[in-house]
Amino acid sequence: MLVLAIRTYWFLWPAHLRRTCLFKETCSRLVCRIAVEEGDLAAMRAFLTRWRRCRPGYDWFVEDGNVTLVVADATRVGEQDIADWLVEGIRKTARDVLSVATEAVDDHGRGDLARQRKAGKGH
């Protein structure tokens, strides 16, 4: 019964009108898969677990080149489970932040060297 409801949702509510998902496997795909594999009760538990995680507000970090999300319930979600569009956006943001931070350090370093030269302390 649950699978039929989800397939009806997919049919009546086109993908481009649905909320963009943080996860590679969307909530409806996850619930449908689990309903087929394990039954409706397991699917509903999976839905409730995912729903608690997929609330507004998450944090992210990149460590050793891998993206990790920390979602609303403090669960850490690895890159393999994060939607590709989000991983790409996080990587771009991380590169931009690193670039700005590097420029700030470089500017700060040159500023200190210039002040030292004016004071006669630099080479």
Protein backbone atom coordinates (compact mmCIF):
# COMPACT_ATOMS: atom_id res chain seq x y z
CA MET A 1 0.00 0.00 0.00
CA LEU A 2 2.81 2.42 0.90
CA VAL A 3 4.61 1.75 -2.39
CA LEU A 4 1.45 2.62 -4.31
CA ALA A 5 1.11 5.89 -2.36
CA ILE A 6 4.74 6.82 -3.13
CA ARG A 7 4.42 6.00 -6.82
CA THR A 8 1.25 8.09 -6.96
CA TYR A 9 3.18 10.95 -5.34
CA TRP A 10 5.93 10.60 -7.96
CA PHE A 11 3.35 10.64 -10.72
CA LEU A 12 1.29 13.59 -9.43
CA TRP A 13 4.14 15.71 -8.07
CA PRO A 14 6.89 16.08 -10.70
CA ALA A 15 10.52 15.95 -9.53
CA HIS A 16 11.19 19.57 -10.48
CA LEU A 17 8.49 20.71 -8.01
CA ARG A 18 9.78 18.65 -5.08
CA ARG A 19 12.16 19.92 -2.44
CA THR A 20 15.82 19.33 -3.27
CA CYS A 21 17.17 16.49 -1.16
CA LEU A 22 20.43 16.51 0.82
CA PHE A 23 20.84 12.79 0.28
CA LYS A 24 21.71 10.81 -2.85
CA GLU A 25 18.78 8.51 -2.17
CA THR A 26 15.78 10.78 -1.65
CA CYS A 27 13.35 10.14 1.20
CA SER A 28 10.67 8.75 -1.09
CA ARG A 29 13.16 6.48 -2.89
CA LEU A 30 14.54 5.25 0.46
CA VAL A 31 11.07 4.57 1.87
CA CYS A 32 9.91 2.85 -1.32
CA ARG A 33 13.01 0.62 -1.43
CA ILE A 34 12.67 -0.37 2.22
CA ALA A 35 8.92 -0.99 1.83
CA VAL A 36 9.63 -3.42 -1.01
CA GLU A 37 12.56 -5.10 0.79
CA GLU A 38 11.34 -5.12 4.41
CA GLY A 39 7.70 -4.05 4.53
CA ASP A 40 5.68 -0.96 5.34
CA LEU A 41 6.49 -0.82 9.06
CA ALA A 42 10.26 -0.78 8.43
CA ALA A 43 9.71 1.82 5.71
CA MET A 44 7.80 4.09 8.10
CA ARG A 45 10.60 3.78 10.69
CA ALA A 46 13.11 4.69 7.97
CA PHE A 47 10.99 7.68 6.99
CA LEU A 48 10.78 8.96 10.57
CA THR A 49 14.53 8.56 11.06
CA ARG A 50 15.30 10.38 7.81
CA TRP A 51 12.75 13.11 8.54
CA ARG A 52 14.41 13.86 11.90
CA ARG A 53 17.74 14.23 10.11
CA CYS A 54 16.48 16.21 7.16
CA ARG A 55 15.28 19.33 8.91
CA PRO A 56 16.56 22.79 8.06
CA GLY A 57 19.98 23.46 9.42
CA TYR A 58 23.06 21.39 8.92
CA ASP A 59 26.78 21.96 9.15
CA TRP A 60 29.50 20.61 6.93
CA PHE A 61 33.22 20.16 6.94
CA VAL A 62 35.88 18.86 4.60
CA GLU A 63 38.58 16.70 6.14
CA ASP A 64 41.27 14.92 4.14
CA GLY A 65 39.34 15.83 0.98
CA ASN A 66 36.10 14.17 2.15
CA VAL A 67 32.88 16.08 2.69
CA THR A 68 30.82 15.32 5.80
CA LEU A 69 27.43 16.75 6.81
CA VAL A 70 26.32 17.04 10.40
CA VAL A 71 22.54 17.04 10.20
CA ALA A 72 19.84 18.25 12.59
CA ASP A 73 19.99 15.24 14.92
CA ALA A 74 23.85 15.46 15.04
CA THR A 75 24.29 12.42 12.79
CA ARG A 76 27.35 12.61 10.55
CA VAL A 77 26.59 11.78 6.92
CA GLY A 78 29.51 10.74 4.71
CA GLU A 79 30.08 11.97 1.19
CA GLN A 80 28.89 8.66 -0.30
CA ASP A 81 25.37 9.42 0.98
CA ILE A 82 25.25 13.16 0.21
CA ALA A 83 23.59 14.42 -2.98
CA ASP A 84 26.14 15.18 -5.71
CA TRP A 85 24.88 18.77 -6.17
CA LEU A 86 25.54 19.46 -2.49
CA VAL A 87 29.01 17.85 -2.44
CA GLU A 88 30.00 19.98 -5.45
CA GLY A 89 28.68 23.14 -3.78
CA ILE A 90 30.49 22.41 -0.52
CA ARG A 91 33.75 21.71 -2.35
CA LYS A 92 33.45 25.01 -4.24
CA THR A 93 32.68 26.91 -1.05
CA ALA A 94 35.60 25.26 0.75
CA ARG A 95 37.96 26.22 -2.12
CA ASP A 96 36.67 29.80 -2.07
CA VAL A 97 37.09 30.08 1.72
CA LEU A 98 40.59 28.62 1.53
CA SER A 99 41.49 31.04 -1.26
CA VAL A 100 40.28 34.07 0.72
CA ALA A 101 42.04 32.85 3.88
CA THR A 102 45.30 32.31 1.95
CA GLU A 103 45.09 35.80 0.46
CA ALA A 104 44.47 37.29 3.90
CA VAL A 105 47.52 35.48 5.32
CA ASP A 106 49.64 36.57 2.35
CA ASP A 107 48.46 40.19 2.68
CA HIS A 108 49.08 40.12 6.42
CA GLY A 109 52.56 38.69 5.93
CA ARG A 110 53.49 41.32 3.30
CA GLY A 111 52.12 44.05 5.50
CA ASP A 112 54.29 42.95 8.41
CA LEU A 113 57.36 42.76 6.16
CA ALA A 114 56.69 46.25 4.78
CA ARG A 115 56.33 47.66 8.30
CA GLN A 116 59.57 45.96 9.34
CA ARG A 117 61.40 47.43 6.33
CA LYS A 118 60.11 50.92 7.12
CA ALA A 119 61.32 50.48 10.67
CA GLY A 120 64.73 49.35 9.39
CA LYS A 121 64.32 45.82 10.77
CA GLY A 122 63.76 43.95 7.48
CA HIS A 123 66.21 43.02 4.75
